[in-house]
Amino acid sequence: MLNPSDDDAPAADRMPGCTFCSIVAGDIPALRFYSDEHAVAFMDRLPMTVGHSLVIPRRHVTDVWDLTDDDAAHVMQAARRVAGLVRDRLQPAGVNLLNNNGAAADQTQFHFHIHVIPRYGRDRLLHPWERIFAPAGEIESAYRLLSAADPQARAADAPCN
């Protein structure tokens, strides 16, 4: 799954100054353990658990809204393969796949990536996000906006958190 000969992405697919593009190009060292024609996976340098890794497209894509349908399919297929490697070789109790989009969602590297986070039961990530009960009508209000036939429907009366 790791082929050293496919370490380079065409320069046109890279963003100057992007750390992840530099990893794809082989200019920055990373503990890469999966690579295919479209995606690369490597160990996260600030892991949440043992085996925490990142799956990124070879081509520079900023966030989920910048992905083409093909990009999305390829990176998700790679994430599924990486999750399988994690499951088979590290034997966690479960795995989280996580993606952050935009600074408000805690995206810090602006090259699309999926975190593959092995879960070992009583690890330090007991609750990676906090759930709240929505006020009456908030779920229905969001539903109406999302299911509206009018593509111009906007969040003027959308729920705010």
N, C-alpha and C. Protein backbone atom coordinates (compact mmCIF):
# COMPACT_ATOMS: atom_id res chain seq x y z
N MET A 1 0.80 -1.19 0.00
CA MET A 1 0.00 0.00 0.00
C MET A 1 0.84 1.25 0.00
N LEU A 2 2.09 1.13 0.37
CA LEU A 2 2.98 2.28 0.33
C LEU A 2 3.99 2.04 -0.78
N ASN A 3 3.97 2.90 -1.75
CA ASN A 3 4.87 2.77 -2.89
C ASN A 3 5.74 4.01 -2.94
N PRO A 4 7.04 3.89 -2.59
CA PRO A 4 7.91 5.06 -2.54
C PRO A 4 8.01 5.79 -3.87
N SER A 5 7.74 5.12 -4.99
CA SER A 5 7.87 5.79 -6.28
C SER A 5 6.75 6.78 -6.53
N ASP A 6 5.66 6.71 -5.75
CA ASP A 6 4.56 7.65 -6.02
C ASP A 6 4.51 8.76 -4.97
N ASP A 7 5.68 9.15 -4.46
CA ASP A 7 5.76 10.18 -3.43
C ASP A 7 5.48 11.58 -3.93
N ASP A 8 5.52 11.81 -5.21
CA ASP A 8 5.44 13.17 -5.72
C ASP A 8 4.08 13.47 -6.33
N ALA A 9 3.55 14.62 -6.03
CA ALA A 9 2.33 15.11 -6.68
C ALA A 9 2.76 16.17 -7.68
N PRO A 10 2.07 16.28 -8.81
CA PRO A 10 2.42 17.34 -9.75
C PRO A 10 2.38 18.71 -9.08
N ALA A 11 3.31 19.56 -9.45
CA ALA A 11 3.40 20.89 -8.83
C ALA A 11 2.08 21.66 -8.95
N ALA A 12 1.33 21.44 -10.03
CA ALA A 12 0.06 22.13 -10.23
C ALA A 12 -0.97 21.74 -9.17
N ASP A 13 -0.79 20.58 -8.55
CA ASP A 13 -1.74 20.11 -7.53
C ASP A 13 -1.34 20.54 -6.13
N ARG A 14 -0.26 21.27 -5.97
CA ARG A 14 0.23 21.68 -4.66
C ARG A 14 -0.04 23.15 -4.40
N MET A 15 -0.12 23.50 -3.11
CA MET A 15 -0.27 24.88 -2.68
C MET A 15 1.03 25.27 -2.00
N PRO A 16 1.72 26.30 -2.49
CA PRO A 16 2.97 26.72 -1.85
C PRO A 16 2.74 27.05 -0.37
N GLY A 17 3.61 26.56 0.48
CA GLY A 17 3.53 26.82 1.90
C GLY A 17 2.63 25.87 2.66
N CYS A 18 1.95 24.96 1.97
CA CYS A 18 1.06 24.01 2.64
C CYS A 18 1.89 22.84 3.17
N THR A 19 1.83 22.63 4.48
CA THR A 19 2.57 21.54 5.11
C THR A 19 2.19 20.19 4.52
N PHE A 20 0.89 19.95 4.34
CA PHE A 20 0.47 18.65 3.84
C PHE A 20 0.88 18.45 2.39
N CYS A 21 0.85 19.50 1.57
CA CYS A 21 1.35 19.37 0.19
C CYS A 21 2.84 19.02 0.20
N SER A 22 3.58 19.59 1.15
CA SER A 22 5.00 19.28 1.27
C SER A 22 5.22 17.84 1.71
N ILE A 23 4.34 17.31 2.53
CA ILE A 23 4.42 15.89 2.92
C ILE A 23 4.15 15.01 1.71
N VAL A 24 3.13 15.34 0.93
CA VAL A 24 2.82 14.57 -0.28
C VAL A 24 4.02 14.57 -1.22
N ALA A 25 4.66 15.72 -1.37
CA ALA A 25 5.80 15.85 -2.28
C ALA A 25 7.06 15.19 -1.75
N GLY A 26 7.07 14.82 -0.47
CA GLY A 26 8.26 14.22 0.13
C GLY A 26 9.26 15.25 0.61
N ASP A 27 8.87 16.52 0.64
CA ASP A 27 9.78 17.58 1.07
C ASP A 27 9.87 17.69 2.59
N ILE A 28 8.85 17.22 3.28
CA ILE A 28 8.82 17.21 4.75
C ILE A 28 8.67 15.76 5.18
N PRO A 29 9.51 15.33 6.12
CA PRO A 29 9.38 13.93 6.56
C PRO A 29 8.09 13.69 7.32
N ALA A 30 7.53 12.53 7.12
CA ALA A 30 6.32 12.10 7.83
C ALA A 30 6.36 10.58 7.90
N LEU A 31 5.72 10.04 8.90
CA LEU A 31 5.64 8.59 9.05
C LEU A 31 4.46 8.09 8.21
N ARG A 32 4.71 7.99 6.90
CA ARG A 32 3.69 7.59 5.94
C ARG A 32 3.57 6.06 5.93
N PHE A 33 2.37 5.56 6.01
CA PHE A 33 2.20 4.11 5.99
C PHE A 33 1.18 3.64 4.97
N TYR A 34 0.54 4.58 4.27
CA TYR A 34 -0.40 4.23 3.21
C TYR A 34 -0.28 5.29 2.12
N SER A 35 -0.33 4.81 0.88
CA SER A 35 -0.26 5.71 -0.24
C SER A 35 -0.92 5.04 -1.43
N ASP A 36 -1.72 5.79 -2.17
CA ASP A 36 -2.24 5.30 -3.44
C ASP A 36 -2.20 6.46 -4.43
N GLU A 37 -2.80 6.28 -5.57
CA GLU A 37 -2.76 7.30 -6.62
C GLU A 37 -3.38 8.62 -6.20
N HIS A 38 -4.33 8.57 -5.25
CA HIS A 38 -5.10 9.76 -4.89
C HIS A 38 -4.90 10.27 -3.47
N ALA A 39 -4.39 9.43 -2.58
CA ALA A 39 -4.36 9.80 -1.16
C ALA A 39 -3.10 9.27 -0.48
N VAL A 40 -2.80 9.88 0.66
CA VAL A 40 -1.65 9.51 1.48
C VAL A 40 -2.13 9.49 2.93
N ALA A 41 -1.60 8.55 3.73
CA ALA A 41 -1.91 8.52 5.15
C ALA A 41 -0.60 8.48 5.93
N PHE A 42 -0.59 9.21 7.05
CA PHE A 42 0.61 9.29 7.88
C PHE A 42 0.19 9.51 9.32
N MET A 43 1.13 9.27 10.23
CA MET A 43 0.85 9.41 11.65
C MET A 43 0.72 10.88 12.03
N ASP A 44 -0.26 11.18 12.87
CA ASP A 44 -0.43 12.54 13.39
C ASP A 44 0.69 12.81 14.39
N ARG A 45 1.33 13.95 14.30
CA ARG A 45 2.43 14.29 15.22
C ARG A 45 1.96 14.68 16.62
N LEU A 46 0.69 15.00 16.75
CA LEU A 46 0.09 15.31 18.06
C LEU A 46 -1.10 14.38 18.26
N PRO A 47 -0.83 13.09 18.44
CA PRO A 47 -1.93 12.12 18.45
C PRO A 47 -2.83 12.23 19.67
N MET A 48 -4.10 11.97 19.44
CA MET A 48 -5.07 11.90 20.52
C MET A 48 -5.03 10.53 21.19
N THR A 49 -4.73 9.50 20.41
CA THR A 49 -4.55 8.14 20.92
C THR A 49 -3.44 7.47 20.11
N VAL A 50 -2.99 6.33 20.56
CA VAL A 50 -1.97 5.57 19.84
C VAL A 50 -2.53 5.12 18.50
N GLY A 51 -1.86 5.48 17.42
CA GLY A 51 -2.30 5.11 16.08
C GLY A 51 -3.08 6.19 15.36
N HIS A 52 -3.31 7.33 16.00
CA HIS A 52 -4.02 8.45 15.37
C HIS A 52 -3.28 8.83 14.10
N SER A 53 -3.98 8.81 12.99
CA SER A 53 -3.36 9.12 11.71
C SER A 53 -4.25 10.04 10.89
N LEU A 54 -3.69 10.57 9.82
CA LEU A 54 -4.39 11.49 8.93
C LEU A 54 -4.40 10.92 7.52
N VAL A 55 -5.51 11.07 6.84
CA VAL A 55 -5.64 10.68 5.43
C VAL A 55 -5.91 11.96 4.66
N ILE A 56 -5.07 12.22 3.64
CA ILE A 56 -5.20 13.46 2.87
C ILE A 56 -5.21 13.15 1.37
N PRO A 57 -5.90 13.99 0.60
CA PRO A 57 -5.78 13.84 -0.86
C PRO A 57 -4.40 14.34 -1.30
N ARG A 58 -3.86 13.74 -2.34
CA ARG A 58 -2.58 14.20 -2.89
C ARG A 58 -2.71 15.62 -3.43
N ARG A 59 -3.84 15.91 -4.05
CA ARG A 59 -4.10 17.22 -4.64
C ARG A 59 -4.50 18.17 -3.53
N HIS A 60 -4.04 19.42 -3.58
CA HIS A 60 -4.43 20.38 -2.56
C HIS A 60 -5.91 20.69 -2.67
N VAL A 61 -6.61 20.45 -1.58
CA VAL A 61 -8.03 20.74 -1.44
C VAL A 61 -8.17 21.35 -0.06
N THR A 62 -8.73 22.53 0.04
CA THR A 62 -8.78 23.25 1.31
C THR A 62 -9.70 22.60 2.34
N ASP A 63 -10.92 22.29 1.94
CA ASP A 63 -11.91 21.79 2.90
C ASP A 63 -12.98 21.00 2.14
N VAL A 64 -13.99 20.56 2.85
CA VAL A 64 -15.02 19.71 2.26
C VAL A 64 -15.73 20.41 1.10
N TRP A 65 -15.85 21.73 1.15
CA TRP A 65 -16.54 22.46 0.09
C TRP A 65 -15.68 22.59 -1.17
N ASP A 66 -14.40 22.35 -1.05
CA ASP A 66 -13.46 22.41 -2.17
C ASP A 66 -13.30 21.05 -2.85
N LEU A 67 -13.78 19.99 -2.22
CA LEU A 67 -13.66 18.64 -2.78
C LEU A 67 -14.54 18.47 -4.01
N THR A 68 -14.02 17.80 -5.01
CA THR A 68 -14.88 17.32 -6.09
C THR A 68 -15.50 16.01 -5.62
N ASP A 69 -16.51 15.53 -6.33
CA ASP A 69 -17.09 14.24 -5.98
C ASP A 69 -16.04 13.14 -6.07
N ASP A 70 -15.17 13.20 -7.08
CA ASP A 70 -14.10 12.20 -7.21
C ASP A 70 -13.12 12.28 -6.05
N ASP A 71 -12.71 13.51 -5.67
CA ASP A 71 -11.82 13.68 -4.51
C ASP A 71 -12.44 13.03 -3.28
N ALA A 72 -13.71 13.33 -3.06
CA ALA A 72 -14.40 12.82 -1.88
C ALA A 72 -14.43 11.30 -1.88
N ALA A 73 -14.75 10.72 -3.02
CA ALA A 73 -14.81 9.26 -3.11
C ALA A 73 -13.44 8.64 -2.85
N HIS A 74 -12.41 9.19 -3.46
CA HIS A 74 -11.07 8.61 -3.31
C HIS A 74 -10.54 8.74 -1.88
N VAL A 75 -10.72 9.90 -1.27
CA VAL A 75 -10.19 10.07 0.08
C VAL A 75 -10.98 9.23 1.08
N MET A 76 -12.29 9.06 0.86
CA MET A 76 -13.07 8.22 1.77
C MET A 76 -12.69 6.75 1.60
N GLN A 77 -12.44 6.33 0.38
CA GLN A 77 -11.98 4.95 0.17
C GLN A 77 -10.65 4.72 0.89
N ALA A 78 -9.75 5.68 0.79
CA ALA A 78 -8.46 5.56 1.49
C ALA A 78 -8.67 5.55 3.00
N ALA A 79 -9.56 6.40 3.51
CA ALA A 79 -9.83 6.43 4.95
C ALA A 79 -10.39 5.09 5.43
N ARG A 80 -11.24 4.47 4.62
CA ARG A 80 -11.79 3.16 4.97
C ARG A 80 -10.67 2.11 5.01
N ARG A 81 -9.76 2.17 4.04
CA ARG A 81 -8.63 1.22 4.04
C ARG A 81 -7.73 1.44 5.25
N VAL A 82 -7.44 2.70 5.57
CA VAL A 82 -6.61 3.01 6.73
C VAL A 82 -7.30 2.56 8.01
N ALA A 83 -8.60 2.80 8.12
CA ALA A 83 -9.34 2.34 9.30
C ALA A 83 -9.25 0.82 9.43
N GLY A 84 -9.27 0.13 8.30
CA GLY A 84 -9.11 -1.33 8.31
C GLY A 84 -7.73 -1.74 8.80
N LEU A 85 -6.69 -1.05 8.35
CA LEU A 85 -5.33 -1.33 8.84
C LEU A 85 -5.24 -1.10 10.34
N VAL A 86 -5.81 0.01 10.79
CA VAL A 86 -5.79 0.34 12.21
C VAL A 86 -6.51 -0.76 13.01
N ARG A 87 -7.68 -1.15 12.54
CA ARG A 87 -8.45 -2.19 13.24
C ARG A 87 -7.68 -3.51 13.29
N ASP A 88 -7.13 -3.93 12.14
CA ASP A 88 -6.47 -5.23 12.06
C ASP A 88 -5.14 -5.29 12.79
N ARG A 89 -4.40 -4.20 12.78
CA ARG A 89 -3.04 -4.24 13.33
C ARG A 89 -2.91 -3.67 14.73
N LEU A 90 -3.75 -2.70 15.09
CA LEU A 90 -3.67 -2.11 16.43
C LEU A 90 -4.77 -2.64 17.35
N GLN A 91 -5.80 -3.22 16.78
CA GLN A 91 -6.91 -3.83 17.50
C GLN A 91 -7.57 -2.92 18.54
N PRO A 92 -7.97 -1.71 18.13
CA PRO A 92 -8.71 -0.85 19.06
C PRO A 92 -10.12 -1.38 19.26
N ALA A 93 -10.80 -0.85 20.25
CA ALA A 93 -12.20 -1.21 20.50
C ALA A 93 -13.12 -0.56 19.45
N GLY A 94 -12.66 0.53 18.84
CA GLY A 94 -13.43 1.25 17.82
C GLY A 94 -12.55 2.29 17.16
N VAL A 95 -13.10 3.00 16.22
CA VAL A 95 -12.36 4.04 15.48
C VAL A 95 -13.29 5.21 15.20
N ASN A 96 -12.80 6.43 15.43
CA ASN A 96 -13.52 7.63 14.99
C ASN A 96 -12.89 8.13 13.70
N LEU A 97 -13.73 8.50 12.74
CA LEU A 97 -13.29 9.24 11.56
C LEU A 97 -13.80 10.66 11.78
N LEU A 98 -12.89 11.62 11.71
CA LEU A 98 -13.25 13.00 12.05
C LEU A 98 -12.67 13.95 11.02
N ASN A 99 -13.45 14.95 10.65
CA ASN A 99 -13.01 15.97 9.70
C ASN A 99 -13.50 17.32 10.20
N ASN A 100 -12.60 18.31 10.23
CA ASN A 100 -12.94 19.66 10.66
C ASN A 100 -12.86 20.58 9.45
N ASN A 101 -13.83 21.48 9.32
CA ASN A 101 -13.86 22.41 8.19
C ASN A 101 -14.05 23.83 8.68
N GLY A 102 -13.04 24.65 8.49
CA GLY A 102 -13.06 26.05 8.92
C GLY A 102 -12.48 26.21 10.31
N ALA A 103 -11.95 27.39 10.56
CA ALA A 103 -11.31 27.68 11.85
C ALA A 103 -12.28 27.50 13.01
N ALA A 104 -13.55 27.86 12.83
CA ALA A 104 -14.53 27.72 13.90
C ALA A 104 -14.78 26.25 14.26
N ALA A 105 -14.47 25.35 13.34
CA ALA A 105 -14.62 23.91 13.58
C ALA A 105 -13.29 23.27 13.97
N ASP A 106 -12.31 24.11 14.31
CA ASP A 106 -11.00 23.65 14.77
C ASP A 106 -10.12 23.10 13.66
N GLN A 107 -10.35 23.51 12.41
CA GLN A 107 -9.43 23.14 11.33
C GLN A 107 -8.20 24.01 11.47
N THR A 108 -7.03 23.39 11.60
CA THR A 108 -5.79 24.14 11.75
C THR A 108 -4.86 23.98 10.55
N GLN A 109 -5.00 22.90 9.80
CA GLN A 109 -4.26 22.71 8.55
C GLN A 109 -5.30 22.82 7.44
N PHE A 110 -5.12 23.81 6.58
CA PHE A 110 -6.13 24.07 5.57
C PHE A 110 -5.83 23.32 4.27
N HIS A 111 -5.66 22.01 4.44
CA HIS A 111 -5.59 21.00 3.38
C HIS A 111 -6.52 19.90 3.90
N PHE A 112 -7.56 19.61 3.17
CA PHE A 112 -8.56 18.65 3.63
C PHE A 112 -7.89 17.40 4.20
N HIS A 113 -8.38 16.93 5.32
CA HIS A 113 -7.86 15.69 5.91
C HIS A 113 -8.91 15.04 6.80
N ILE A 114 -8.80 13.74 6.89
CA ILE A 114 -9.65 12.95 7.76
C ILE A 114 -8.77 12.35 8.84
N HIS A 115 -9.14 12.60 10.10
CA HIS A 115 -8.46 11.97 11.22
C HIS A 115 -9.00 10.55 11.38
N VAL A 116 -8.13 9.59 11.52
CA VAL A 116 -8.51 8.22 11.87
C VAL A 116 -7.99 8.03 13.29
N ILE A 117 -8.91 7.97 14.25
CA ILE A 117 -8.54 7.97 15.67
C ILE A 117 -8.98 6.65 16.30
N PRO A 118 -8.01 5.77 16.58
CA PRO A 118 -8.37 4.52 17.26
C PRO A 118 -8.89 4.82 18.67
N ARG A 119 -9.88 4.06 19.10
CA ARG A 119 -10.44 4.22 20.43
C ARG A 119 -10.23 2.93 21.21
N TYR A 120 -9.73 3.08 22.42
CA TYR A 120 -9.34 1.92 23.22
C TYR A 120 -10.19 1.77 24.48
N GLY A 121 -11.41 2.24 24.43
CA GLY A 121 -12.26 2.13 25.61
C GLY A 121 -12.05 3.32 26.52
N ARG A 122 -11.37 3.15 27.60
CA ARG A 122 -11.17 4.22 28.57
C ARG A 122 -9.95 5.07 28.20
N ASP A 123 -9.95 5.63 26.99
CA ASP A 123 -8.87 6.53 26.61
C ASP A 123 -9.24 7.94 27.05
N ARG A 124 -8.34 8.87 26.80
CA ARG A 124 -8.58 10.24 27.29
C ARG A 124 -9.63 10.99 26.47
N LEU A 125 -10.14 10.38 25.44
CA LEU A 125 -11.19 10.99 24.62
C LEU A 125 -12.54 10.39 24.94
N LEU A 126 -12.92 10.45 26.19
CA LEU A 126 -14.18 9.83 26.58
C LEU A 126 -15.36 10.42 25.81
N HIS A 127 -15.35 11.75 25.59
CA HIS A 127 -16.41 12.41 24.83
C HIS A 127 -15.76 13.47 23.94
N PRO A 128 -15.46 13.13 22.69
CA PRO A 128 -14.78 14.11 21.83
C PRO A 128 -15.63 15.31 21.48
N TRP A 129 -16.91 15.25 21.69
CA TRP A 129 -17.77 16.41 21.51
C TRP A 129 -18.87 16.35 22.55
N GLU A 130 -19.41 17.48 22.84
CA GLU A 130 -20.45 17.58 23.86
C GLU A 130 -21.80 17.69 23.18
N ARG A 131 -22.75 16.90 23.61
CA ARG A 131 -24.10 16.97 23.05
C ARG A 131 -24.96 17.86 23.95
N ILE A 132 -25.87 18.57 23.30
CA ILE A 132 -26.83 19.37 24.05
C ILE A 132 -28.22 19.01 23.54
N PHE A 133 -29.20 19.21 24.37
CA PHE A 133 -30.57 19.00 23.92
C PHE A 133 -31.02 20.29 23.26
N ALA A 134 -31.56 20.16 22.06
CA ALA A 134 -32.00 21.33 21.30
C ALA A 134 -33.28 21.90 21.92
N PRO A 135 -33.38 23.23 21.96
CA PRO A 135 -34.64 23.86 22.42
C PRO A 135 -35.79 23.43 21.50
N ALA A 136 -36.97 23.47 22.03
CA ALA A 136 -38.16 23.05 21.28
C ALA A 136 -38.20 23.75 19.92
N GLY A 137 -38.44 23.00 18.89
CA GLY A 137 -38.58 23.56 17.55
C GLY A 137 -37.28 23.77 16.79
N GLU A 138 -36.13 23.73 17.45
CA GLU A 138 -34.86 24.01 16.76
C GLU A 138 -34.52 22.94 15.73
N ILE A 139 -34.71 21.68 16.06
CA ILE A 139 -34.42 20.61 15.11
C ILE A 139 -35.36 20.71 13.91
N GLU A 140 -36.64 20.97 14.16
CA GLU A 140 -37.60 21.11 13.07
C GLU A 140 -37.28 22.32 12.20
N SER A 141 -36.84 23.41 12.79
CA SER A 141 -36.47 24.61 12.03
C SER A 141 -35.30 24.32 11.10
N ALA A 142 -34.29 23.65 11.62
CA ALA A 142 -33.14 23.28 10.79
C ALA A 142 -33.57 22.32 9.69
N TYR A 143 -34.43 21.38 10.03
CA TYR A 143 -34.95 20.43 9.03
C TYR A 143 -35.66 21.17 7.89
N ARG A 144 -36.52 22.14 8.23
CA ARG A 144 -37.25 22.88 7.20
C ARG A 144 -36.28 23.60 6.26
N LEU A 145 -35.24 24.21 6.80
CA LEU A 145 -34.25 24.89 5.96
C LEU A 145 -33.50 23.91 5.06
N LEU A 146 -33.11 22.78 5.63
CA LEU A 146 -32.33 21.80 4.86
C LEU A 146 -33.16 21.09 3.79
N SER A 147 -34.43 20.92 4.04
CA SER A 147 -35.28 20.19 3.10
C SER A 147 -36.08 21.10 2.18
N ALA A 148 -35.88 22.42 2.27
CA ALA A 148 -36.64 23.37 1.46
C ALA A 148 -36.37 23.16 -0.02
N ALA A 149 -37.43 23.24 -0.83
CA ALA A 149 -37.28 23.12 -2.28
C ALA A 149 -36.58 24.34 -2.85
N ASP A 150 -36.69 25.49 -2.18
CA ASP A 150 -36.07 26.74 -2.63
C ASP A 150 -34.59 26.73 -2.28
N PRO A 151 -33.72 26.69 -3.31
CA PRO A 151 -32.28 26.68 -3.02
C PRO A 151 -31.79 27.99 -2.40
N GLN A 152 -32.63 29.03 -2.43
CA GLN A 152 -32.25 30.31 -1.84
C GLN A 152 -32.63 30.41 -0.37
N ALA A 153 -33.24 29.36 0.16
CA ALA A 153 -33.61 29.36 1.59
C ALA A 153 -32.36 29.62 2.41
N ARG A 154 -32.46 30.55 3.31
CA ARG A 154 -31.30 30.94 4.13
C ARG A 154 -31.66 30.89 5.60
N ALA A 155 -30.67 31.01 6.37
CA ALA A 155 -30.80 30.85 7.81
C ALA A 155 -31.22 32.12 8.54
N ALA A 156 -32.07 32.95 7.95
CA ALA A 156 -32.52 34.16 8.62
C ALA A 156 -33.19 33.82 9.96
N ASP A 157 -33.95 32.74 9.94
CA ASP A 157 -34.58 32.31 11.19
C ASP A 157 -34.02 30.95 11.62
N ALA A 158 -32.77 30.70 11.22
CA ALA A 158 -32.13 29.42 11.57
C ALA A 158 -31.73 29.41 13.03
N PRO A 159 -31.61 28.20 13.56
CA PRO A 159 -31.18 28.08 14.96
C PRO A 159 -29.74 28.55 15.12
N CYS A 160 -29.46 29.18 16.21
CA CYS A 160 -28.09 29.63 16.52
C CYS A 160 -27.66 28.94 17.81
N ASN A 161 -26.42 28.50 17.83
CA ASN A 161 -25.90 27.86 19.03
C ASN A 161 -24.99 28.80 19.77
